Every structure is written in structure tokens, then in C-alpha cells.
PDBML (XML) file of the C-alpha atoms, coordinates in Angstrom:
<?xml version="1.0" encoding="UTF-8" ?>
<PDBx:datablock datablockName="MODEL"
   xmlns:PDBx="http://pdbml.pdb.org/schema/pdbx-v50.xsd"
   xmlns:xsi="http://www.w3.org/2001/XMLSchema-instance"
   xsi:schemaLocation="http://pdbml.pdb.org/schema/pdbx-v50.xsd pdbx-v50.xsd">
   <PDBx:atom_siteCategory>
      <PDBx:atom_site id="1">
         <PDBx:B_iso_or_equiv>0.00</PDBx:B_iso_or_equiv>
         <PDBx:Cartn_x>7.519</PDBx:Cartn_x>
         <PDBx:Cartn_y>7.000</PDBx:Cartn_y>
         <PDBx:Cartn_z>-14.103</PDBx:Cartn_z>
         <PDBx:auth_asym_id>A</PDBx:auth_asym_id>
         <PDBx:auth_atom_id>CA</PDBx:auth_atom_id>
         <PDBx:auth_comp_id>UNK</PDBx:auth_comp_id>
         <PDBx:auth_seq_id>1</PDBx:auth_seq_id>
         <PDBx:group_PDB>ATOM</PDBx:group_PDB>
         <PDBx:label_alt_id xsi:nil="true" />
         <PDBx:label_asym_id>A</PDBx:label_asym_id>
         <PDBx:label_atom_id>CA</PDBx:label_atom_id>
         <PDBx:label_comp_id>UNK</PDBx:label_comp_id>
         <PDBx:label_entity_id>1</PDBx:label_entity_id>
         <PDBx:label_seq_id>1</PDBx:label_seq_id>
         <PDBx:occupancy>1.00</PDBx:occupancy>
         <PDBx:pdbx_PDB_model_num>1</PDBx:pdbx_PDB_model_num>
         <PDBx:type_symbol>C</PDBx:type_symbol>
      </PDBx:atom_site>
      <PDBx:atom_site id="2">
         <PDBx:B_iso_or_equiv>0.00</PDBx:B_iso_or_equiv>
         <PDBx:Cartn_x>4.510</PDBx:Cartn_x>
         <PDBx:Cartn_y>5.379</PDBx:Cartn_y>
         <PDBx:Cartn_z>-15.794</PDBx:Cartn_z>
         <PDBx:auth_asym_id>A</PDBx:auth_asym_id>
         <PDBx:auth_atom_id>CA</PDBx:auth_atom_id>
         <PDBx:auth_comp_id>UNK</PDBx:auth_comp_id>
         <PDBx:auth_seq_id>2</PDBx:auth_seq_id>
         <PDBx:group_PDB>ATOM</PDBx:group_PDB>
         <PDBx:label_alt_id xsi:nil="true" />
         <PDBx:label_asym_id>A</PDBx:label_asym_id>
         <PDBx:label_atom_id>CA</PDBx:label_atom_id>
         <PDBx:label_comp_id>UNK</PDBx:label_comp_id>
         <PDBx:label_entity_id>1</PDBx:label_entity_id>
         <PDBx:label_seq_id>2</PDBx:label_seq_id>
         <PDBx:occupancy>1.00</PDBx:occupancy>
         <PDBx:pdbx_PDB_model_num>1</PDBx:pdbx_PDB_model_num>
         <PDBx:type_symbol>C</PDBx:type_symbol>
      </PDBx:atom_site>
      <PDBx:atom_site id="3">
         <PDBx:B_iso_or_equiv>0.00</PDBx:B_iso_or_equiv>
         <PDBx:Cartn_x>3.486</PDBx:Cartn_x>
         <PDBx:Cartn_y>4.113</PDBx:Cartn_y>
         <PDBx:Cartn_z>-12.390</PDBx:Cartn_z>
         <PDBx:auth_asym_id>A</PDBx:auth_asym_id>
         <PDBx:auth_atom_id>CA</PDBx:auth_atom_id>
         <PDBx:auth_comp_id>UNK</PDBx:auth_comp_id>
         <PDBx:auth_seq_id>3</PDBx:auth_seq_id>
         <PDBx:group_PDB>ATOM</PDBx:group_PDB>
         <PDBx:label_alt_id xsi:nil="true" />
         <PDBx:label_asym_id>A</PDBx:label_asym_id>
         <PDBx:label_atom_id>CA</PDBx:label_atom_id>
         <PDBx:label_comp_id>UNK</PDBx:label_comp_id>
         <PDBx:label_entity_id>1</PDBx:label_entity_id>
         <PDBx:label_seq_id>3</PDBx:label_seq_id>
         <PDBx:occupancy>1.00</PDBx:occupancy>
         <PDBx:pdbx_PDB_model_num>1</PDBx:pdbx_PDB_model_num>
         <PDBx:type_symbol>C</PDBx:type_symbol>
      </PDBx:atom_site>
      <PDBx:atom_site id="4">
         <PDBx:B_iso_or_equiv>0.00</PDBx:B_iso_or_equiv>
         <PDBx:Cartn_x>2.172</PDBx:Cartn_x>
         <PDBx:Cartn_y>6.898</PDBx:Cartn_y>
         <PDBx:Cartn_z>-10.068</PDBx:Cartn_z>
         <PDBx:auth_asym_id>A</PDBx:auth_asym_id>
         <PDBx:auth_atom_id>CA</PDBx:auth_atom_id>
         <PDBx:auth_comp_id>UNK</PDBx:auth_comp_id>
         <PDBx:auth_seq_id>4</PDBx:auth_seq_id>
         <PDBx:group_PDB>ATOM</PDBx:group_PDB>
         <PDBx:label_alt_id xsi:nil="true" />
         <PDBx:label_asym_id>A</PDBx:label_asym_id>
         <PDBx:label_atom_id>CA</PDBx:label_atom_id>
         <PDBx:label_comp_id>UNK</PDBx:label_comp_id>
         <PDBx:label_entity_id>1</PDBx:label_entity_id>
         <PDBx:label_seq_id>4</PDBx:label_seq_id>
         <PDBx:occupancy>1.00</PDBx:occupancy>
         <PDBx:pdbx_PDB_model_num>1</PDBx:pdbx_PDB_model_num>
         <PDBx:type_symbol>C</PDBx:type_symbol>
      </PDBx:atom_site>
      <PDBx:atom_site id="5">
         <PDBx:B_iso_or_equiv>0.00</PDBx:B_iso_or_equiv>
         <PDBx:Cartn_x>3.312</PDBx:Cartn_x>
         <PDBx:Cartn_y>7.026</PDBx:Cartn_y>
         <PDBx:Cartn_z>-6.497</PDBx:Cartn_z>
         <PDBx:auth_asym_id>A</PDBx:auth_asym_id>
         <PDBx:auth_atom_id>CA</PDBx:auth_atom_id>
         <PDBx:auth_comp_id>UNK</PDBx:auth_comp_id>
         <PDBx:auth_seq_id>5</PDBx:auth_seq_id>
         <PDBx:group_PDB>ATOM</PDBx:group_PDB>
         <PDBx:label_alt_id xsi:nil="true" />
         <PDBx:label_asym_id>A</PDBx:label_asym_id>
         <PDBx:label_atom_id>CA</PDBx:label_atom_id>
         <PDBx:label_comp_id>UNK</PDBx:label_comp_id>
         <PDBx:label_entity_id>1</PDBx:label_entity_id>
         <PDBx:label_seq_id>5</PDBx:label_seq_id>
         <PDBx:occupancy>1.00</PDBx:occupancy>
         <PDBx:pdbx_PDB_model_num>1</PDBx:pdbx_PDB_model_num>
         <PDBx:type_symbol>C</PDBx:type_symbol>
      </PDBx:atom_site>
      <PDBx:atom_site id="6">
         <PDBx:B_iso_or_equiv>0.00</PDBx:B_iso_or_equiv>
         <PDBx:Cartn_x>-0.178</PDBx:Cartn_x>
         <PDBx:Cartn_y>7.905</PDBx:Cartn_y>
         <PDBx:Cartn_z>-5.217</PDBx:Cartn_z>
         <PDBx:auth_asym_id>A</PDBx:auth_asym_id>
         <PDBx:auth_atom_id>CA</PDBx:auth_atom_id>
         <PDBx:auth_comp_id>UNK</PDBx:auth_comp_id>
         <PDBx:auth_seq_id>6</PDBx:auth_seq_id>
         <PDBx:group_PDB>ATOM</PDBx:group_PDB>
         <PDBx:label_alt_id xsi:nil="true" />
         <PDBx:label_asym_id>A</PDBx:label_asym_id>
         <PDBx:label_atom_id>CA</PDBx:label_atom_id>
         <PDBx:label_comp_id>UNK</PDBx:label_comp_id>
         <PDBx:label_entity_id>1</PDBx:label_entity_id>
         <PDBx:label_seq_id>6</PDBx:label_seq_id>
         <PDBx:occupancy>1.00</PDBx:occupancy>
         <PDBx:pdbx_PDB_model_num>1</PDBx:pdbx_PDB_model_num>
         <PDBx:type_symbol>C</PDBx:type_symbol>
      </PDBx:atom_site>
      <PDBx:atom_site id="7">
         <PDBx:B_iso_or_equiv>0.00</PDBx:B_iso_or_equiv>
         <PDBx:Cartn_x>-1.609</PDBx:Cartn_x>
         <PDBx:Cartn_y>4.724</PDBx:Cartn_y>
         <PDBx:Cartn_z>-6.780</PDBx:Cartn_z>
         <PDBx:auth_asym_id>A</PDBx:auth_asym_id>
         <PDBx:auth_atom_id>CA</PDBx:auth_atom_id>
         <PDBx:auth_comp_id>UNK</PDBx:auth_comp_id>
         <PDBx:auth_seq_id>7</PDBx:auth_seq_id>
         <PDBx:group_PDB>ATOM</PDBx:group_PDB>
         <PDBx:label_alt_id xsi:nil="true" />
         <PDBx:label_asym_id>A</PDBx:label_asym_id>
         <PDBx:label_atom_id>CA</PDBx:label_atom_id>
         <PDBx:label_comp_id>UNK</PDBx:label_comp_id>
         <PDBx:label_entity_id>1</PDBx:label_entity_id>
         <PDBx:label_seq_id>7</PDBx:label_seq_id>
         <PDBx:occupancy>1.00</PDBx:occupancy>
         <PDBx:pdbx_PDB_model_num>1</PDBx:pdbx_PDB_model_num>
         <PDBx:type_symbol>C</PDBx:type_symbol>
      </PDBx:atom_site>
      <PDBx:atom_site id="8">
         <PDBx:B_iso_or_equiv>0.00</PDBx:B_iso_or_equiv>
         <PDBx:Cartn_x>1.071</PDBx:Cartn_x>
         <PDBx:Cartn_y>2.620</PDBx:Cartn_y>
         <PDBx:Cartn_z>-5.042</PDBx:Cartn_z>
         <PDBx:auth_asym_id>A</PDBx:auth_asym_id>
         <PDBx:auth_atom_id>CA</PDBx:auth_atom_id>
         <PDBx:auth_comp_id>UNK</PDBx:auth_comp_id>
         <PDBx:auth_seq_id>8</PDBx:auth_seq_id>
         <PDBx:group_PDB>ATOM</PDBx:group_PDB>
         <PDBx:label_alt_id xsi:nil="true" />
         <PDBx:label_asym_id>A</PDBx:label_asym_id>
         <PDBx:label_atom_id>CA</PDBx:label_atom_id>
         <PDBx:label_comp_id>UNK</PDBx:label_comp_id>
         <PDBx:label_entity_id>1</PDBx:label_entity_id>
         <PDBx:label_seq_id>8</PDBx:label_seq_id>
         <PDBx:occupancy>1.00</PDBx:occupancy>
         <PDBx:pdbx_PDB_model_num>1</PDBx:pdbx_PDB_model_num>
         <PDBx:type_symbol>C</PDBx:type_symbol>
      </PDBx:atom_site>
      <PDBx:atom_site id="9">
         <PDBx:B_iso_or_equiv>0.00</PDBx:B_iso_or_equiv>
         <PDBx:Cartn_x>0.454</PDBx:Cartn_x>
         <PDBx:Cartn_y>4.472</PDBx:Cartn_y>
         <PDBx:Cartn_z>-1.741</PDBx:Cartn_z>
         <PDBx:auth_asym_id>A</PDBx:auth_asym_id>
         <PDBx:auth_atom_id>CA</PDBx:auth_atom_id>
         <PDBx:auth_comp_id>UNK</PDBx:auth_comp_id>
         <PDBx:auth_seq_id>9</PDBx:auth_seq_id>
         <PDBx:group_PDB>ATOM</PDBx:group_PDB>
         <PDBx:label_alt_id xsi:nil="true" />
         <PDBx:label_asym_id>A</PDBx:label_asym_id>
         <PDBx:label_atom_id>CA</PDBx:label_atom_id>
         <PDBx:label_comp_id>UNK</PDBx:label_comp_id>
         <PDBx:label_entity_id>1</PDBx:label_entity_id>
         <PDBx:label_seq_id>9</PDBx:label_seq_id>
         <PDBx:occupancy>1.00</PDBx:occupancy>
         <PDBx:pdbx_PDB_model_num>1</PDBx:pdbx_PDB_model_num>
         <PDBx:type_symbol>C</PDBx:type_symbol>
      </PDBx:atom_site>
      <PDBx:atom_site id="10">
         <PDBx:B_iso_or_equiv>0.00</PDBx:B_iso_or_equiv>
         <PDBx:Cartn_x>-3.297</PDBx:Cartn_x>
         <PDBx:Cartn_y>4.016</PDBx:Cartn_y>
         <PDBx:Cartn_z>-1.832</PDBx:Cartn_z>
         <PDBx:auth_asym_id>A</PDBx:auth_asym_id>
         <PDBx:auth_atom_id>CA</PDBx:auth_atom_id>
         <PDBx:auth_comp_id>UNK</PDBx:auth_comp_id>
         <PDBx:auth_seq_id>10</PDBx:auth_seq_id>
         <PDBx:group_PDB>ATOM</PDBx:group_PDB>
         <PDBx:label_alt_id xsi:nil="true" />
         <PDBx:label_asym_id>A</PDBx:label_asym_id>
         <PDBx:label_atom_id>CA</PDBx:label_atom_id>
         <PDBx:label_comp_id>UNK</PDBx:label_comp_id>
         <PDBx:label_entity_id>1</PDBx:label_entity_id>
         <PDBx:label_seq_id>10</PDBx:label_seq_id>
         <PDBx:occupancy>1.00</PDBx:occupancy>
         <PDBx:pdbx_PDB_model_num>1</PDBx:pdbx_PDB_model_num>
         <PDBx:type_symbol>C</PDBx:type_symbol>
      </PDBx:atom_site>
      <PDBx:atom_site id="11">
         <PDBx:B_iso_or_equiv>0.00</PDBx:B_iso_or_equiv>
         <PDBx:Cartn_x>-2.963</PDBx:Cartn_x>
         <PDBx:Cartn_y>0.379</PDBx:Cartn_y>
         <PDBx:Cartn_z>-2.846</PDBx:Cartn_z>
         <PDBx:auth_asym_id>A</PDBx:auth_asym_id>
         <PDBx:auth_atom_id>CA</PDBx:auth_atom_id>
         <PDBx:auth_comp_id>UNK</PDBx:auth_comp_id>
         <PDBx:auth_seq_id>11</PDBx:auth_seq_id>
         <PDBx:group_PDB>ATOM</PDBx:group_PDB>
         <PDBx:label_alt_id xsi:nil="true" />
         <PDBx:label_asym_id>A</PDBx:label_asym_id>
         <PDBx:label_atom_id>CA</PDBx:label_atom_id>
         <PDBx:label_comp_id>UNK</PDBx:label_comp_id>
         <PDBx:label_entity_id>1</PDBx:label_entity_id>
         <PDBx:label_seq_id>11</PDBx:label_seq_id>
         <PDBx:occupancy>1.00</PDBx:occupancy>
         <PDBx:pdbx_PDB_model_num>1</PDBx:pdbx_PDB_model_num>
         <PDBx:type_symbol>C</PDBx:type_symbol>
      </PDBx:atom_site>
      <PDBx:atom_site id="12">
         <PDBx:B_iso_or_equiv>0.00</PDBx:B_iso_or_equiv>
         <PDBx:Cartn_x>-0.593</PDBx:Cartn_x>
         <PDBx:Cartn_y>-0.188</PDBx:Cartn_y>
         <PDBx:Cartn_z>0.058</PDBx:Cartn_z>
         <PDBx:auth_asym_id>A</PDBx:auth_asym_id>
         <PDBx:auth_atom_id>CA</PDBx:auth_atom_id>
         <PDBx:auth_comp_id>UNK</PDBx:auth_comp_id>
         <PDBx:auth_seq_id>12</PDBx:auth_seq_id>
         <PDBx:group_PDB>ATOM</PDBx:group_PDB>
         <PDBx:label_alt_id xsi:nil="true" />
         <PDBx:label_asym_id>A</PDBx:label_asym_id>
         <PDBx:label_atom_id>CA</PDBx:label_atom_id>
         <PDBx:label_comp_id>UNK</PDBx:label_comp_id>
         <PDBx:label_entity_id>1</PDBx:label_entity_id>
         <PDBx:label_seq_id>12</PDBx:label_seq_id>
         <PDBx:occupancy>1.00</PDBx:occupancy>
         <PDBx:pdbx_PDB_model_num>1</PDBx:pdbx_PDB_model_num>
         <PDBx:type_symbol>C</PDBx:type_symbol>
      </PDBx:atom_site>
      <PDBx:atom_site id="13">
         <PDBx:B_iso_or_equiv>0.00</PDBx:B_iso_or_equiv>
         <PDBx:Cartn_x>-2.881</PDBx:Cartn_x>
         <PDBx:Cartn_y>1.520</PDBx:Cartn_y>
         <PDBx:Cartn_z>2.621</PDBx:Cartn_z>
         <PDBx:auth_asym_id>A</PDBx:auth_asym_id>
         <PDBx:auth_atom_id>CA</PDBx:auth_atom_id>
         <PDBx:auth_comp_id>UNK</PDBx:auth_comp_id>
         <PDBx:auth_seq_id>13</PDBx:auth_seq_id>
         <PDBx:group_PDB>ATOM</PDBx:group_PDB>
         <PDBx:label_alt_id xsi:nil="true" />
         <PDBx:label_asym_id>A</PDBx:label_asym_id>
         <PDBx:label_atom_id>CA</PDBx:label_atom_id>
         <PDBx:label_comp_id>UNK</PDBx:label_comp_id>
         <PDBx:label_entity_id>1</PDBx:label_entity_id>
         <PDBx:label_seq_id>13</PDBx:label_seq_id>
         <PDBx:occupancy>1.00</PDBx:occupancy>
         <PDBx:pdbx_PDB_model_num>1</PDBx:pdbx_PDB_model_num>
         <PDBx:type_symbol>C</PDBx:type_symbol>
      </PDBx:atom_site>
      <PDBx:atom_site id="14">
         <PDBx:B_iso_or_equiv>0.00</PDBx:B_iso_or_equiv>
         <PDBx:Cartn_x>-5.913</PDBx:Cartn_x>
         <PDBx:Cartn_y>-0.433</PDBx:Cartn_y>
         <PDBx:Cartn_z>1.387</PDBx:Cartn_z>
         <PDBx:auth_asym_id>A</PDBx:auth_asym_id>
         <PDBx:auth_atom_id>CA</PDBx:auth_atom_id>
         <PDBx:auth_comp_id>UNK</PDBx:auth_comp_id>
         <PDBx:auth_seq_id>14</PDBx:auth_seq_id>
         <PDBx:group_PDB>ATOM</PDBx:group_PDB>
         <PDBx:label_alt_id xsi:nil="true" />
         <PDBx:label_asym_id>A</PDBx:label_asym_id>
         <PDBx:label_atom_id>CA</PDBx:label_atom_id>
         <PDBx:label_comp_id>UNK</PDBx:label_comp_id>
         <PDBx:label_entity_id>1</PDBx:label_entity_id>
         <PDBx:label_seq_id>14</PDBx:label_seq_id>
         <PDBx:occupancy>1.00</PDBx:occupancy>
         <PDBx:pdbx_PDB_model_num>1</PDBx:pdbx_PDB_model_num>
         <PDBx:type_symbol>C</PDBx:type_symbol>
      </PDBx:atom_site>
      <PDBx:atom_site id="15">
         <PDBx:B_iso_or_equiv>0.00</PDBx:B_iso_or_equiv>
         <PDBx:Cartn_x>-3.941</PDBx:Cartn_x>
         <PDBx:Cartn_y>-3.683</PDBx:Cartn_y>
         <PDBx:Cartn_z>1.515</PDBx:Cartn_z>
         <PDBx:auth_asym_id>A</PDBx:auth_asym_id>
         <PDBx:auth_atom_id>CA</PDBx:auth_atom_id>
         <PDBx:auth_comp_id>UNK</PDBx:auth_comp_id>
         <PDBx:auth_seq_id>15</PDBx:auth_seq_id>
         <PDBx:group_PDB>ATOM</PDBx:group_PDB>
         <PDBx:label_alt_id xsi:nil="true" />
         <PDBx:label_asym_id>A</PDBx:label_asym_id>
         <PDBx:label_atom_id>CA</PDBx:label_atom_id>
         <PDBx:label_comp_id>UNK</PDBx:label_comp_id>
         <PDBx:label_entity_id>1</PDBx:label_entity_id>
         <PDBx:label_seq_id>15</PDBx:label_seq_id>
         <PDBx:occupancy>1.00</PDBx:occupancy>
         <PDBx:pdbx_PDB_model_num>1</PDBx:pdbx_PDB_model_num>
         <PDBx:type_symbol>C</PDBx:type_symbol>
      </PDBx:atom_site>
      <PDBx:atom_site id="16">
         <PDBx:B_iso_or_equiv>0.00</PDBx:B_iso_or_equiv>
         <PDBx:Cartn_x>-2.716</PDBx:Cartn_x>
         <PDBx:Cartn_y>-3.124</PDBx:Cartn_y>
         <PDBx:Cartn_z>5.011</PDBx:Cartn_z>
         <PDBx:auth_asym_id>A</PDBx:auth_asym_id>
         <PDBx:auth_atom_id>CA</PDBx:auth_atom_id>
         <PDBx:auth_comp_id>UNK</PDBx:auth_comp_id>
         <PDBx:auth_seq_id>16</PDBx:auth_seq_id>
         <PDBx:group_PDB>ATOM</PDBx:group_PDB>
         <PDBx:label_alt_id xsi:nil="true" />
         <PDBx:label_asym_id>A</PDBx:label_asym_id>
         <PDBx:label_atom_id>CA</PDBx:label_atom_id>
         <PDBx:label_comp_id>UNK</PDBx:label_comp_id>
         <PDBx:label_entity_id>1</PDBx:label_entity_id>
         <PDBx:label_seq_id>16</PDBx:label_seq_id>
         <PDBx:occupancy>1.00</PDBx:occupancy>
         <PDBx:pdbx_PDB_model_num>1</PDBx:pdbx_PDB_model_num>
         <PDBx:type_symbol>C</PDBx:type_symbol>
      </PDBx:atom_site>
      <PDBx:atom_site id="17">
         <PDBx:B_iso_or_equiv>0.00</PDBx:B_iso_or_equiv>
         <PDBx:Cartn_x>-6.221</PDBx:Cartn_x>
         <PDBx:Cartn_y>-2.268</PDBx:Cartn_y>
         <PDBx:Cartn_z>6.195</PDBx:Cartn_z>
         <PDBx:auth_asym_id>A</PDBx:auth_asym_id>
         <PDBx:auth_atom_id>CA</PDBx:auth_atom_id>
         <PDBx:auth_comp_id>UNK</PDBx:auth_comp_id>
         <PDBx:auth_seq_id>17</PDBx:auth_seq_id>
         <PDBx:group_PDB>ATOM</PDBx:group_PDB>
         <PDBx:label_alt_id xsi:nil="true" />
         <PDBx:label_asym_id>A</PDBx:label_asym_id>
         <PDBx:label_atom_id>CA</PDBx:label_atom_id>
         <PDBx:label_comp_id>UNK</PDBx:label_comp_id>
         <PDBx:label_entity_id>1</PDBx:label_entity_id>
         <PDBx:label_seq_id>17</PDBx:label_seq_id>
         <PDBx:occupancy>1.00</PDBx:occupancy>
         <PDBx:pdbx_PDB_model_num>1</PDBx:pdbx_PDB_model_num>
         <PDBx:type_symbol>C</PDBx:type_symbol>
      </PDBx:atom_site>
      <PDBx:atom_site id="18">
         <PDBx:B_iso_or_equiv>0.00</PDBx:B_iso_or_equiv>
         <PDBx:Cartn_x>-7.548</PDBx:Cartn_x>
         <PDBx:Cartn_y>-5.375</PDBx:Cartn_y>
         <PDBx:Cartn_z>4.588</PDBx:Cartn_z>
         <PDBx:auth_asym_id>A</PDBx:auth_asym_id>
         <PDBx:auth_atom_id>CA</PDBx:auth_atom_id>
         <PDBx:auth_comp_id>UNK</PDBx:auth_comp_id>
         <PDBx:auth_seq_id>18</PDBx:auth_seq_id>
         <PDBx:group_PDB>ATOM</PDBx:group_PDB>
         <PDBx:label_alt_id xsi:nil="true" />
         <PDBx:label_asym_id>A</PDBx:label_asym_id>
         <PDBx:label_atom_id>CA</PDBx:label_atom_id>
         <PDBx:label_comp_id>UNK</PDBx:label_comp_id>
         <PDBx:label_entity_id>1</PDBx:label_entity_id>
         <PDBx:label_seq_id>18</PDBx:label_seq_id>
         <PDBx:occupancy>1.00</PDBx:occupancy>
         <PDBx:pdbx_PDB_model_num>1</PDBx:pdbx_PDB_model_num>
         <PDBx:type_symbol>C</PDBx:type_symbol>
      </PDBx:atom_site>
      <PDBx:atom_site id="19">
         <PDBx:B_iso_or_equiv>0.00</PDBx:B_iso_or_equiv>
         <PDBx:Cartn_x>-4.951</PDBx:Cartn_x>
         <PDBx:Cartn_y>-8.015</PDBx:Cartn_y>
         <PDBx:Cartn_z>5.514</PDBx:Cartn_z>
         <PDBx:auth_asym_id>A</PDBx:auth_asym_id>
         <PDBx:auth_atom_id>CA</PDBx:auth_atom_id>
         <PDBx:auth_comp_id>UNK</PDBx:auth_comp_id>
         <PDBx:auth_seq_id>19</PDBx:auth_seq_id>
         <PDBx:group_PDB>ATOM</PDBx:group_PDB>
         <PDBx:label_alt_id xsi:nil="true" />
         <PDBx:label_asym_id>A</PDBx:label_asym_id>
         <PDBx:label_atom_id>CA</PDBx:label_atom_id>
         <PDBx:label_comp_id>UNK</PDBx:label_comp_id>
         <PDBx:label_entity_id>1</PDBx:label_entity_id>
         <PDBx:label_seq_id>19</PDBx:label_seq_id>
         <PDBx:occupancy>1.00</PDBx:occupancy>
         <PDBx:pdbx_PDB_model_num>1</PDBx:pdbx_PDB_model_num>
         <PDBx:type_symbol>C</PDBx:type_symbol>
      </PDBx:atom_site>
      <PDBx:atom_site id="20">
         <PDBx:B_iso_or_equiv>0.00</PDBx:B_iso_or_equiv>
         <PDBx:Cartn_x>-3.277</PDBx:Cartn_x>
         <PDBx:Cartn_y>-6.299</PDBx:Cartn_y>
         <PDBx:Cartn_z>8.496</PDBx:Cartn_z>
         <PDBx:auth_asym_id>A</PDBx:auth_asym_id>
         <PDBx:auth_atom_id>CA</PDBx:auth_atom_id>
         <PDBx:auth_comp_id>UNK</PDBx:auth_comp_id>
         <PDBx:auth_seq_id>20</PDBx:auth_seq_id>
         <PDBx:group_PDB>ATOM</PDBx:group_PDB>
         <PDBx:label_alt_id xsi:nil="true" />
         <PDBx:label_asym_id>A</PDBx:label_asym_id>
         <PDBx:label_atom_id>CA</PDBx:label_atom_id>
         <PDBx:label_comp_id>UNK</PDBx:label_comp_id>
         <PDBx:label_entity_id>1</PDBx:label_entity_id>
         <PDBx:label_seq_id>20</PDBx:label_seq_id>
         <PDBx:occupancy>1.00</PDBx:occupancy>
         <PDBx:pdbx_PDB_model_num>1</PDBx:pdbx_PDB_model_num>
         <PDBx:type_symbol>C</PDBx:type_symbol>
      </PDBx:atom_site>
      <PDBx:atom_site id="21">
         <PDBx:B_iso_or_equiv>0.00</PDBx:B_iso_or_equiv>
         <PDBx:Cartn_x>0.359</PDBx:Cartn_x>
         <PDBx:Cartn_y>-5.640</PDBx:Cartn_y>
         <PDBx:Cartn_z>9.081</PDBx:Cartn_z>
         <PDBx:auth_asym_id>A</PDBx:auth_asym_id>
         <PDBx:auth_atom_id>CA</PDBx:auth_atom_id>
         <PDBx:auth_comp_id>UNK</PDBx:auth_comp_id>
         <PDBx:auth_seq_id>21</PDBx:auth_seq_id>
         <PDBx:group_PDB>ATOM</PDBx:group_PDB>
         <PDBx:label_alt_id xsi:nil="true" />
         <PDBx:label_asym_id>A</PDBx:label_asym_id>
         <PDBx:label_atom_id>CA</PDBx:label_atom_id>
         <PDBx:label_comp_id>UNK</PDBx:label_comp_id>
         <PDBx:label_entity_id>1</PDBx:label_entity_id>
         <PDBx:label_seq_id>21</PDBx:label_seq_id>
         <PDBx:occupancy>1.00</PDBx:occupancy>
         <PDBx:pdbx_PDB_model_num>1</PDBx:pdbx_PDB_model_num>
         <PDBx:type_symbol>C</PDBx:type_symbol>
      </PDBx:atom_site>
      <PDBx:atom_site id="22">
         <PDBx:B_iso_or_equiv>0.00</PDBx:B_iso_or_equiv>
         <PDBx:Cartn_x>2.343</PDBx:Cartn_x>
         <PDBx:Cartn_y>-7.845</PDBx:Cartn_y>
         <PDBx:Cartn_z>11.481</PDBx:Cartn_z>
         <PDBx:auth_asym_id>A</PDBx:auth_asym_id>
         <PDBx:auth_atom_id>CA</PDBx:auth_atom_id>
         <PDBx:auth_comp_id>UNK</PDBx:auth_comp_id>
         <PDBx:auth_seq_id>22</PDBx:auth_seq_id>
         <PDBx:group_PDB>ATOM</PDBx:group_PDB>
         <PDBx:label_alt_id xsi:nil="true" />
         <PDBx:label_asym_id>A</PDBx:label_asym_id>
         <PDBx:label_atom_id>CA</PDBx:label_atom_id>
         <PDBx:label_comp_id>UNK</PDBx:label_comp_id>
         <PDBx:label_entity_id>1</PDBx:label_entity_id>
         <PDBx:label_seq_id>22</PDBx:label_seq_id>
         <PDBx:occupancy>1.00</PDBx:occupancy>
         <PDBx:pdbx_PDB_model_num>1</PDBx:pdbx_PDB_model_num>
         <PDBx:type_symbol>C</PDBx:type_symbol>
      </PDBx:atom_site>
      <PDBx:atom_site id="23">
         <PDBx:B_iso_or_equiv>0.00</PDBx:B_iso_or_equiv>
         <PDBx:Cartn_x>5.856</PDBx:Cartn_x>
         <PDBx:Cartn_y>-7.165</PDBx:Cartn_y>
         <PDBx:Cartn_z>10.211</PDBx:Cartn_z>
         <PDBx:auth_asym_id>A</PDBx:auth_asym_id>
         <PDBx:auth_atom_id>CA</PDBx:auth_atom_id>
         <PDBx:auth_comp_id>UNK</PDBx:auth_comp_id>
         <PDBx:auth_seq_id>23</PDBx:auth_seq_id>
         <PDBx:group_PDB>ATOM</PDBx:group_PDB>
         <PDBx:label_alt_id xsi:nil="true" />
         <PDBx:label_asym_id>A</PDBx:label_asym_id>
         <PDBx:label_atom_id>CA</PDBx:label_atom_id>
         <PDBx:label_comp_id>UNK</PDBx:label_comp_id>
         <PDBx:label_entity_id>1</PDBx:label_entity_id>
         <PDBx:label_seq_id>23</PDBx:label_seq_id>
         <PDBx:occupancy>1.00</PDBx:occupancy>
         <PDBx:pdbx_PDB_model_num>1</PDBx:pdbx_PDB_model_num>
         <PDBx:type_symbol>C</PDBx:type_symbol>
      </PDBx:atom_site>
      <PDBx:atom_site id="24">
         <PDBx:B_iso_or_equiv>0.00</PDBx:B_iso_or_equiv>
         <PDBx:Cartn_x>7.868</PDBx:Cartn_x>
         <PDBx:Cartn_y>-3.954</PDBx:Cartn_y>
         <PDBx:Cartn_z>9.687</PDBx:Cartn_z>
         <PDBx:auth_asym_id>A</PDBx:auth_asym_id>
         <PDBx:auth_atom_id>CA</PDBx:auth_atom_id>
         <PDBx:auth_comp_id>UNK</PDBx:auth_comp_id>
         <PDBx:auth_seq_id>24</PDBx:auth_seq_id>
         <PDBx:group_PDB>ATOM</PDBx:group_PDB>
         <PDBx:label_alt_id xsi:nil="true" />
         <PDBx:label_asym_id>A</PDBx:label_asym_id>
         <PDBx:label_atom_id>CA</PDBx:label_atom_id>
         <PDBx:label_comp_id>UNK</PDBx:label_comp_id>
         <PDBx:label_entity_id>1</PDBx:label_entity_id>
         <PDBx:label_seq_id>24</PDBx:label_seq_id>
         <PDBx:occupancy>1.00</PDBx:occupancy>
         <PDBx:pdbx_PDB_model_num>1</PDBx:pdbx_PDB_model_num>
         <PDBx:type_symbol>C</PDBx:type_symbol>
      </PDBx:atom_site>
      <PDBx:atom_site id="25">
         <PDBx:B_iso_or_equiv>0.00</PDBx:B_iso_or_equiv>
         <PDBx:Cartn_x>7.140</PDBx:Cartn_x>
         <PDBx:Cartn_y>-2.062</PDBx:Cartn_y>
         <PDBx:Cartn_z>6.466</PDBx:Cartn_z>
         <PDBx:auth_asym_id>A</PDBx:auth_asym_id>
         <PDBx:auth_atom_id>CA</PDBx:auth_atom_id>
         <PDBx:auth_comp_id>UNK</PDBx:auth_comp_id>
         <PDBx:auth_seq_id>25</PDBx:auth_seq_id>
         <PDBx:group_PDB>ATOM</PDBx:group_PDB>
         <PDBx:label_alt_id xsi:nil="true" />
         <PDBx:label_asym_id>A</PDBx:label_asym_id>
         <PDBx:label_atom_id>CA</PDBx:label_atom_id>
         <PDBx:label_comp_id>UNK</PDBx:label_comp_id>
         <PDBx:label_entity_id>1</PDBx:label_entity_id>
         <PDBx:label_seq_id>25</PDBx:label_seq_id>
         <PDBx:occupancy>1.00</PDBx:occupancy>
         <PDBx:pdbx_PDB_model_num>1</PDBx:pdbx_PDB_model_num>
         <PDBx:type_symbol>C</PDBx:type_symbol>
      </PDBx:atom_site>
   </PDBx:atom_siteCategory>
</PDBx:datablock>
């Protein structure tokens, strides 16, 4: 609503690239 899905998506992608992903998402 106020939060934009593309902001969430980009933040998620950046976070995964930075810390890695070892569990299902």
C-alpha cells in the first residue's frame, strides 16, 4: 500500500547477495 513491492524486492535481492541464502525462501 504505502510500501512498494519493488522496494521490498530490490531489498530482498540485495540482502541475499550480501549475506547468502542457505534456506528456502
